[in-house]
C-alpha cells in the first residue's frame, strides 16, 4: 500500500474520532468502510503522531482522540 493512501485513511480515522467518540477497531473499520488492515495501518500512523488514545476494555482495544475522556497528548 502506498504511504499516501495510509495517510488518507488516517484522515478518515481522525474525522471519525473528531467528536470524541470511542470505537473498537472492528467498529471503526465498519464505520469508515475500510478493511481491518487499512484501519490498523491508519491507526498506527496517528499513533506515531501521538494523536490518538488507546484503551483496553473487556479484552478489546478501543481508540479515541482523548477529548471526551479529558486526555491530552504531549
PDB file of N, CA and C in Angstrom:
ATOM      1  N   UNK A   1       0.844  -1.181   0.000  1.00  0.00           N
ATOM      2  CA  UNK A   1       0.000   0.000   0.000  1.00  0.00           C
ATOM      3  C   UNK A   1       0.886   1.240   0.000  1.00  0.00           C
ATOM      4  N   UNK A   2       0.442   2.229  -0.703  1.00  0.00           N
ATOM      5  CA  UNK A   2       1.204   3.470  -0.785  1.00  0.00           C
ATOM      6  C   UNK A   2       1.084   4.275   0.505  1.00  0.00           C
ATOM      7  N   UNK A   3       2.153   4.947   0.832  1.00  0.00           N
ATOM      8  CA  UNK A   3       2.171   5.811   2.028  1.00  0.00           C
ATOM      9  C   UNK A   3       1.066   6.864   1.949  1.00  0.00           C
ATOM     10  N   UNK A   4       0.837   7.412   0.774  1.00  0.00           N
ATOM     11  CA  UNK A   4      -0.196   8.447   0.624  1.00  0.00           C
ATOM     12  C   UNK A   4      -1.574   7.903   0.983  1.00  0.00           C
ATOM     13  N   UNK A   5      -1.842   6.653   0.607  1.00  0.00           N
ATOM     14  CA  UNK A   5      -3.138   6.044   0.901  1.00  0.00           C
ATOM     15  C   UNK A   5      -3.300   5.817   2.407  1.00  0.00           C
ATOM     16  N   UNK A   6      -2.237   5.412   3.076  1.00  0.00           N
ATOM     17  CA  UNK A   6      -2.298   5.238   4.530  1.00  0.00           C
ATOM     18  C   UNK A   6      -2.595   6.579   5.193  1.00  0.00           C
ATOM     19  N   UNK A   7      -1.947   7.629   4.731  1.00  0.00           N
ATOM     20  CA  UNK A   7      -2.196   8.969   5.263  1.00  0.00           C
ATOM     21  C   UNK A   7      -3.628   9.420   5.014  1.00  0.00           C
ATOM     22  N   UNK A   8      -4.147   9.122   3.835  1.00  0.00           N
ATOM     23  CA  UNK A   8      -5.541   9.464   3.518  1.00  0.00           C
ATOM     24  C   UNK A   8      -6.500   8.714   4.442  1.00  0.00           C
ATOM     25  N   UNK A   9      -6.228   7.439   4.656  1.00  0.00           N
ATOM     26  CA  UNK A   9      -7.056   6.653   5.566  1.00  0.00           C
ATOM     27  C   UNK A   9      -6.935   7.138   7.004  1.00  0.00           C
ATOM     28  N   UNK A  10      -5.755   7.617   7.385  1.00  0.00           N
ATOM     29  CA  UNK A  10      -5.574   8.195   8.724  1.00  0.00           C
ATOM     30  C   UNK A  10      -6.490   9.406   8.889  1.00  0.00           C
ATOM     31  N   UNK A  11      -6.657  10.163   7.824  1.00  0.00           N
ATOM     32  CA  UNK A  11      -7.585  11.292   7.860  1.00  0.00           C
ATOM     33  C   UNK A  11      -9.018  10.833   8.095  1.00  0.00           C
ATOM     34  N   UNK A  12      -9.405   9.722   7.480  1.00  0.00           N
ATOM     35  CA  UNK A  12     -10.750   9.172   7.696  1.00  0.00           C
ATOM     36  C   UNK A  12     -10.935   8.753   9.149  1.00  0.00           C
ATOM     37  N   UNK A  13      -9.919   8.115   9.705  1.00  0.00           N
ATOM     38  CA  UNK A  13      -9.982   7.704  11.118  1.00  0.00           C
ATOM     39  C   UNK A  13     -10.085   8.944  11.999  1.00  0.00           C
ATOM     40  N   UNK A  14      -9.240   9.929  11.746  1.00  0.00           N
ATOM     41  CA  UNK A  14      -9.223  11.147  12.553  1.00  0.00           C
ATOM     42  C   UNK A  14     -10.582  11.839  12.541  1.00  0.00           C
ATOM     43  N   UNK A  15     -11.200  11.925  11.371  1.00  0.00           N
ATOM     44  CA  UNK A  15     -12.517  12.573  11.274  1.00  0.00           C
ATOM     45  C   UNK A  15     -13.576  11.778  12.017  1.00  0.00           C
ATOM     46  N   UNK A  16     -13.501  10.453  11.971  1.00  0.00           N
ATOM     47  CA  UNK A  16     -14.462   9.625  12.701  1.00  0.00           C
ATOM     48  C   UNK A  16     -14.316   9.831  14.209  1.00  0.00           C
ATOM     49  N   UNK A  17     -13.100  10.074  14.668  1.00  0.00           N
ATOM     50  CA  UNK A  17     -12.838  10.257  16.098  1.00  0.00           C
ATOM     51  C   UNK A  17     -12.987  11.712  16.539  1.00  0.00           C
ATOM     52  N   UNK A  18     -13.212  12.606  15.615  1.00  0.00           N
ATOM     53  CA  UNK A  18     -13.175  14.035  15.896  1.00  0.00           C
ATOM     54  C   UNK A  18     -14.111  14.469  17.027  1.00  0.00           C
ATOM     55  N   UNK A  19     -15.299  13.898  17.114  1.00  0.00           N
ATOM     56  CA  UNK A  19     -16.249  14.342  18.138  1.00  0.00           C
ATOM     57  C   UNK A  19     -16.023  13.700  19.504  1.00  0.00           C
ATOM     58  N   UNK A  20     -14.931  12.965  19.644  1.00  0.00           N
ATOM     59  CA  UNK A  20     -14.602  12.362  20.929  1.00  0.00           C
ATOM     60  C   UNK A  20     -15.187  10.979  21.128  1.00  0.00           C
ATOM     61  N   UNK A  21     -15.855  10.453  20.109  1.00  0.00           N
ATOM     62  CA  UNK A  21     -16.428   9.111  20.224  1.00  0.00           C
ATOM     63  C   UNK A  21     -15.317   8.074  20.286  1.00  0.00           C
ATOM     64  N   UNK A  22     -15.591   7.009  21.009  1.00  0.00           N
ATOM     65  CA  UNK A  22     -14.643   5.912  21.173  1.00  0.00           C
ATOM     66  C   UNK A  22     -15.144   4.709  20.365  1.00  0.00           C
ATOM     67  N   UNK A  23     -14.243   4.051  19.646  1.00  0.00           N
ATOM     68  CA  UNK A  23     -14.597   2.905  18.819  1.00  0.00           C
ATOM     69  C   UNK A  23     -13.684   1.726  19.112  1.00  0.00           C
ATOM     70  N   UNK A  24     -14.239   0.513  19.028  1.00  0.00           N
ATOM     71  CA  UNK A  24     -13.374  -0.657  18.930  1.00  0.00           C
ATOM     72  C   UNK A  24     -12.832  -0.649  17.506  1.00  0.00           C
ATOM     73  N   UNK A  25     -11.749  -1.362  17.258  1.00  0.00           N
ATOM     74  CA  UNK A  25     -11.170  -1.353  15.915  1.00  0.00           C
ATOM     75  C   UNK A  25     -12.137  -1.942  14.885  1.00  0.00           C
ATOM     76  N   UNK A  26     -12.799  -3.076  15.159  1.00  0.00           N
ATOM     77  CA  UNK A  26     -13.768  -3.575  14.175  1.00  0.00           C
ATOM     78  C   UNK A  26     -14.920  -2.594  13.909  1.00  0.00           C
ATOM     79  N   UNK A  27     -15.405  -1.948  14.970  1.00  0.00           N
ATOM     80  CA  UNK A  27     -16.479  -0.972  14.817  1.00  0.00           C
ATOM     81  C   UNK A  27     -16.010   0.218  13.981  1.00  0.00           C
ATOM     82  N   UNK A  28     -14.804   0.678  14.226  1.00  0.00           N
ATOM     83  CA  UNK A  28     -14.251   1.790  13.461  1.00  0.00           C
ATOM     84  C   UNK A  28     -14.094   1.405  11.990  1.00  0.00           C
ATOM     85  N   UNK A  29     -13.626   0.194  11.727  1.00  0.00           N
ATOM     86  CA  UNK A  29     -13.480  -0.284  10.346  1.00  0.00           C
ATOM     87  C   UNK A  29     -14.807  -0.232   9.607  1.00  0.00           C
ATOM     88  N   UNK A  30     -15.860  -0.683  10.266  1.00  0.00           N
ATOM     89  CA  UNK A  30     -17.191  -0.658   9.641  1.00  0.00           C
ATOM     90  C   UNK A  30     -17.680   0.776   9.445  1.00  0.00           C
ATOM     91  N   UNK A  31     -17.436   1.621  10.432  1.00  0.00           N
ATOM     92  CA  UNK A  31     -17.913   2.996  10.374  1.00  0.00           C
ATOM     93  C   UNK A  31     -17.305   3.762   9.206  1.00  0.00           C
ATOM     94  N   UNK A  32     -16.005   3.570   8.980  1.00  0.00           N
ATOM     95  CA  UNK A  32     -15.336   4.323   7.908  1.00  0.00           C
ATOM     96  C   UNK A  32     -15.192   3.511   6.628  1.00  0.00           C
ATOM     97  N   UNK A  33     -15.754   2.307   6.627  1.00  0.00           N
ATOM     98  CA  UNK A  33     -15.784   1.440   5.446  1.00  0.00           C
ATOM     99  C   UNK A  33     -14.385   1.155   4.891  1.00  0.00           C
ATOM    100  N   UNK A  34     -13.499   0.744   5.797  1.00  0.00           N
ATOM    101  CA  UNK A  34     -12.157   0.314   5.416  1.00  0.00           C
ATOM    102  C   UNK A  34     -11.942  -1.103   5.924  1.00  0.00           C
ATOM    103  N   UNK A  35     -11.033  -1.819   5.292  1.00  0.00           N
ATOM    104  CA  UNK A  35     -10.685  -3.148   5.770  1.00  0.00           C
ATOM    105  C   UNK A  35     -10.015  -3.031   7.143  1.00  0.00           C
ATOM    106  N   UNK A  36      -9.987  -4.131   7.855  1.00  0.00           N
ATOM    107  CA  UNK A  36      -9.323  -4.159   9.164  1.00  0.00           C
ATOM    108  C   UNK A  36      -7.853  -3.754   9.009  1.00  0.00           C
ATOM    109  N   UNK A  37      -7.203  -4.297   7.984  1.00  0.00           N
ATOM    110  CA  UNK A  37      -5.790  -3.983   7.746  1.00  0.00           C
ATOM    111  C   UNK A  37      -5.582  -2.499   7.475  1.00  0.00           C
ATOM    112  N   UNK A  38      -6.388  -1.916   6.594  1.00  0.00           N
ATOM    113  CA  UNK A  38      -6.243  -0.494   6.281  1.00  0.00           C
ATOM    114  C   UNK A  38      -6.515   0.381   7.502  1.00  0.00           C
ATOM    115  N   UNK A  39      -7.497  -0.034   8.300  1.00  0.00           N
ATOM    116  CA  UNK A  39      -7.819   0.726   9.516  1.00  0.00           C
ATOM    117  C   UNK A  39      -6.664   0.686  10.508  1.00  0.00           C
ATOM    118  N   UNK A  40      -6.095  -0.492  10.714  1.00  0.00           N
ATOM    119  CA  UNK A  40      -4.994  -0.583  11.683  1.00  0.00           C
ATOM    120  C   UNK A  40      -3.748   0.151  11.193  1.00  0.00           C
ATOM    121  N   UNK A  41      -3.491   0.140   9.899  1.00  0.00           N
ATOM    122  CA  UNK A  41      -2.363   0.928   9.381  1.00  0.00           C
ATOM    123  C   UNK A  41      -2.588   2.420   9.635  1.00  0.00           C
ATOM    124  N   UNK A  42      -3.813   2.879   9.416  1.00  0.00           N
ATOM    125  CA  UNK A  42      -4.140   4.285   9.643  1.00  0.00           C
ATOM    126  C   UNK A  42      -4.030   4.643  11.125  1.00  0.00           C
ATOM    127  N   UNK A  43      -4.476   3.740  11.991  1.00  0.00           N
ATOM    128  CA  UNK A  43      -4.356   3.959  13.436  1.00  0.00           C
ATOM    129  C   UNK A  43      -2.887   4.055  13.821  1.00  0.00           C
ATOM    130  N   UNK A  44      -2.067   3.203  13.246  1.00  0.00           N
ATOM    131  CA  UNK A  44      -0.629   3.259  13.508  1.00  0.00           C
ATOM    132  C   UNK A  44      -0.026   4.596  13.117  1.00  0.00           C
ATOM    133  N   UNK A  45      -0.462   5.120  11.997  1.00  0.00           N
ATOM    134  CA  UNK A  45       0.004   6.435  11.520  1.00  0.00           C
ATOM    135  C   UNK A  45      -0.307   7.496  12.577  1.00  0.00           C
ATOM    136  N   UNK A  46      -1.564   7.509  13.043  1.00  0.00           N
ATOM    137  CA  UNK A  46      -1.982   8.503  14.034  1.00  0.00           C
ATOM    138  C   UNK A  46      -1.305   8.274  15.384  1.00  0.00           C
ATOM    139  N   UNK A  47      -1.080   7.018  15.738  1.00  0.00           N
ATOM    140  CA  UNK A  47      -0.400   6.711  16.997  1.00  0.00           C
ATOM    141  C   UNK A  47       1.024   7.248  16.969  1.00  0.00           C
ATOM    142  N   UNK A  48       1.680   7.100  15.842  1.00  0.00           N
ATOM    143  CA  UNK A  48       3.051   7.595  15.697  1.00  0.00           C
ATOM    144  C   UNK A  48       3.113   9.108  15.895  1.00  0.00           C
ATOM    145  N   UNK A  49       2.028   9.781  15.526  1.00  0.00           N
ATOM    146  CA  UNK A  49       1.947  11.235  15.684  1.00  0.00           C
ATOM    147  C   UNK A  49       1.354  11.642  17.033  1.00  0.00           C
ATOM    148  N   UNK A  50       1.129  10.660  17.921  1.00  0.00           N
ATOM    149  CA  UNK A  50       0.537  10.910  19.245  1.00  0.00           C
ATOM    150  C   UNK A  50      -0.808  11.628  19.160  1.00  0.00           C
ATOM    151  N   UNK A  51      -1.636  11.219  18.210  1.00  0.00           N
ATOM    152  CA  UNK A  51      -2.919  11.884  18.018  1.00  0.00           C
ATOM    153  C   UNK A  51      -4.113  11.065  18.483  1.00  0.00           C
ATOM    154  N   UNK A  52      -3.879   9.843  18.939  1.00  0.00           N
ATOM    155  CA  UNK A  52      -4.994   9.035  19.396  1.00  0.00           C
ATOM    156  C   UNK A  52      -4.651   8.365  20.717  1.00  0.00           C
ATOM    157  N   UNK A  53      -5.681   7.913  21.369  1.00  0.00           N
ATOM    158  CA  UNK A  53      -5.574   7.298  22.680  1.00  0.00           C
ATOM    159  C   UNK A  53      -6.120   5.873  22.585  1.00  0.00           C
ATOM    160  N   UNK A  54      -5.446   4.920  23.190  1.00  0.00           N
ATOM    161  CA  UNK A  54      -5.856   3.520  23.220  1.00  0.00           C
ATOM    162  C   UNK A  54      -6.292   3.165  24.626  1.00  0.00           C
ATOM    163  N   UNK A  55      -7.324   2.345  24.699  1.00  0.00           N
ATOM    164  CA  UNK A  55      -7.771   1.849  25.995  1.00  0.00           C
ATOM    165  C   UNK A  55      -8.295   0.427  25.797  1.00  0.00           C
ATOM    166  N   UNK A  56      -7.907  -0.468  26.687  1.00  0.00           N
ATOM    167  CA  UNK A  56      -8.382  -1.850  26.609  1.00  0.00           C
ATOM    168  C   UNK A  56      -9.562  -2.011  27.563  1.00  0.00           C
ATOM    169  N   UNK A  57     -10.665  -2.551  27.002  1.00  0.00           N
ATOM    170  CA  UNK A  57     -11.865  -2.818  27.795  1.00  0.00           C
ATOM    171  C   UNK A  57     -12.390  -4.190  27.419  1.00  0.00           C
ATOM    172  N   UNK A  58     -12.574  -5.020  28.409  1.00  0.00           N
ATOM    173  CA  UNK A  58     -13.132  -6.363  28.184  1.00  0.00           C
ATOM    174  C   UNK A  58     -12.410  -7.108  27.069  1.00  0.00           C
ATOM    175  N   UNK A  59     -11.100  -6.979  27.015  1.00  0.00           N
ATOM    176  CA  UNK A  59     -10.305  -7.711  26.040  1.00  0.00           C
ATOM    177  C   UNK A  59     -10.243  -7.100  24.657  1.00  0.00           C
ATOM    178  N   UNK A  60     -10.903  -5.975  24.435  1.00  0.00           N
ATOM    179  CA  UNK A  60     -10.860  -5.297  23.140  1.00  0.00           C
ATOM    180  C   UNK A  60     -10.113  -3.984  23.270  1.00  0.00           C
ATOM    181  N   UNK A  61      -9.472  -3.582  22.184  1.00  0.00           N
ATOM    182  CA  UNK A  61      -8.798  -2.287  22.153  1.00  0.00           C
ATOM    183  C   UNK A  61      -9.752  -1.257  21.562  1.00  0.00           C
ATOM    184  N   UNK A  62      -9.887  -0.149  22.260  1.00  0.00           N
ATOM    185  CA  UNK A  62     -10.710   0.965  21.800  1.00  0.00           C
ATOM    186  C   UNK A  62      -9.798   2.147  21.510  1.00  0.00           C
ATOM    187  N   UNK A  63     -10.164   2.924  20.501  1.00  0.00           N
ATOM    188  CA  UNK A  63      -9.389   4.111  20.154  1.00  0.00           C
ATOM    189  C   UNK A  63     -10.293   5.331  20.221  1.00  0.00           C
ATOM    190  N   UNK A  64      -9.695   6.444  20.581  1.00  0.00           N
ATOM    191  CA  UNK A  64     -10.402   7.728  20.608  1.00  0.00           C
ATOM    192  C   UNK A  64      -9.358   8.818  20.432  1.00  0.00           C
ATOM    193  N   UNK A  65      -9.844  10.047  20.315  1.00  0.00           N
ATOM    194  CA  UNK A  65      -8.901  11.159  20.253  1.00  0.00           C
ATOM    195  C   UNK A  65      -8.621  11.715  21.636  1.00  0.00           C
ATOM    196  N   UNK A  66      -9.246  11.144  22.665  1.00  0.00           N
ATOM    197  CA  UNK A  66      -8.982  11.540  24.036  1.00  0.00           C
ATOM    198  C   UNK A  66      -9.782  12.724  24.523  1.00  0.00           C
ATOM    199  N   UNK A  67     -10.495  13.421  23.652  1.00  0.00           N
ATOM    200  CA  UNK A  67     -11.222  14.627  24.055  1.00  0.00           C
ATOM    201  C   UNK A  67     -12.312  14.349  25.077  1.00  0.00           C
ATOM    202  N   UNK A  68     -13.096  13.314  24.855  1.00  0.00           N
ATOM    203  CA  UNK A  68     -14.196  13.024  25.756  1.00  0.00           C
ATOM    204  C   UNK A  68     -13.692  12.601  27.130  1.00  0.00           C
ATOM    205  N   UNK A  69     -12.582  11.924  27.184  1.00  0.00           N
ATOM    206  CA  UNK A  69     -12.035  11.478  28.450  1.00  0.00           C
ATOM    207  C   UNK A  69     -11.190  12.559  29.125  1.00  0.00           C
ATOM    208  N   UNK A  70     -11.010  13.701  28.475  1.00  0.00           N
ATOM    209  CA  UNK A  70     -10.188  14.763  29.044  1.00  0.00           C
ATOM    210  C   UNK A  70      -8.717  14.435  28.997  1.00  0.00           C
ATOM    211  N   UNK A  71      -8.300  13.612  28.039  1.00  0.00           N
ATOM    212  CA  UNK A  71      -6.905  13.202  27.921  1.00  0.00           C
ATOM    213  C   UNK A  71      -6.170  14.152  26.987  1.00  0.00           C
ATOM    214  N   UNK A  72      -4.912  14.319  27.256  1.00  0.00           N
ATOM    215  CA  UNK A  72      -4.091  15.193  26.424  1.00  0.00           C
ATOM    216  C   UNK A  72      -2.817  14.454  26.035  1.00  0.00           C
ATOM    217  N   UNK A  73      -2.292  14.806  24.912  1.00  0.00           N
ATOM    218  CA  UNK A  73      -1.089  14.179  24.405  1.00  0.00           C
ATOM    219  C   UNK A  73       0.023  15.209  24.400  1.00  0.00           C
ATOM    220  N   UNK A  74       1.219  14.754  24.637  1.00  0.00           N
ATOM    221  CA  UNK A  74       2.310  15.710  24.653  1.00  0.00           C
ATOM    222  C   UNK A  74       3.563  15.142  24.064  1.00  0.00           C
TER     223      UNK A  74
END
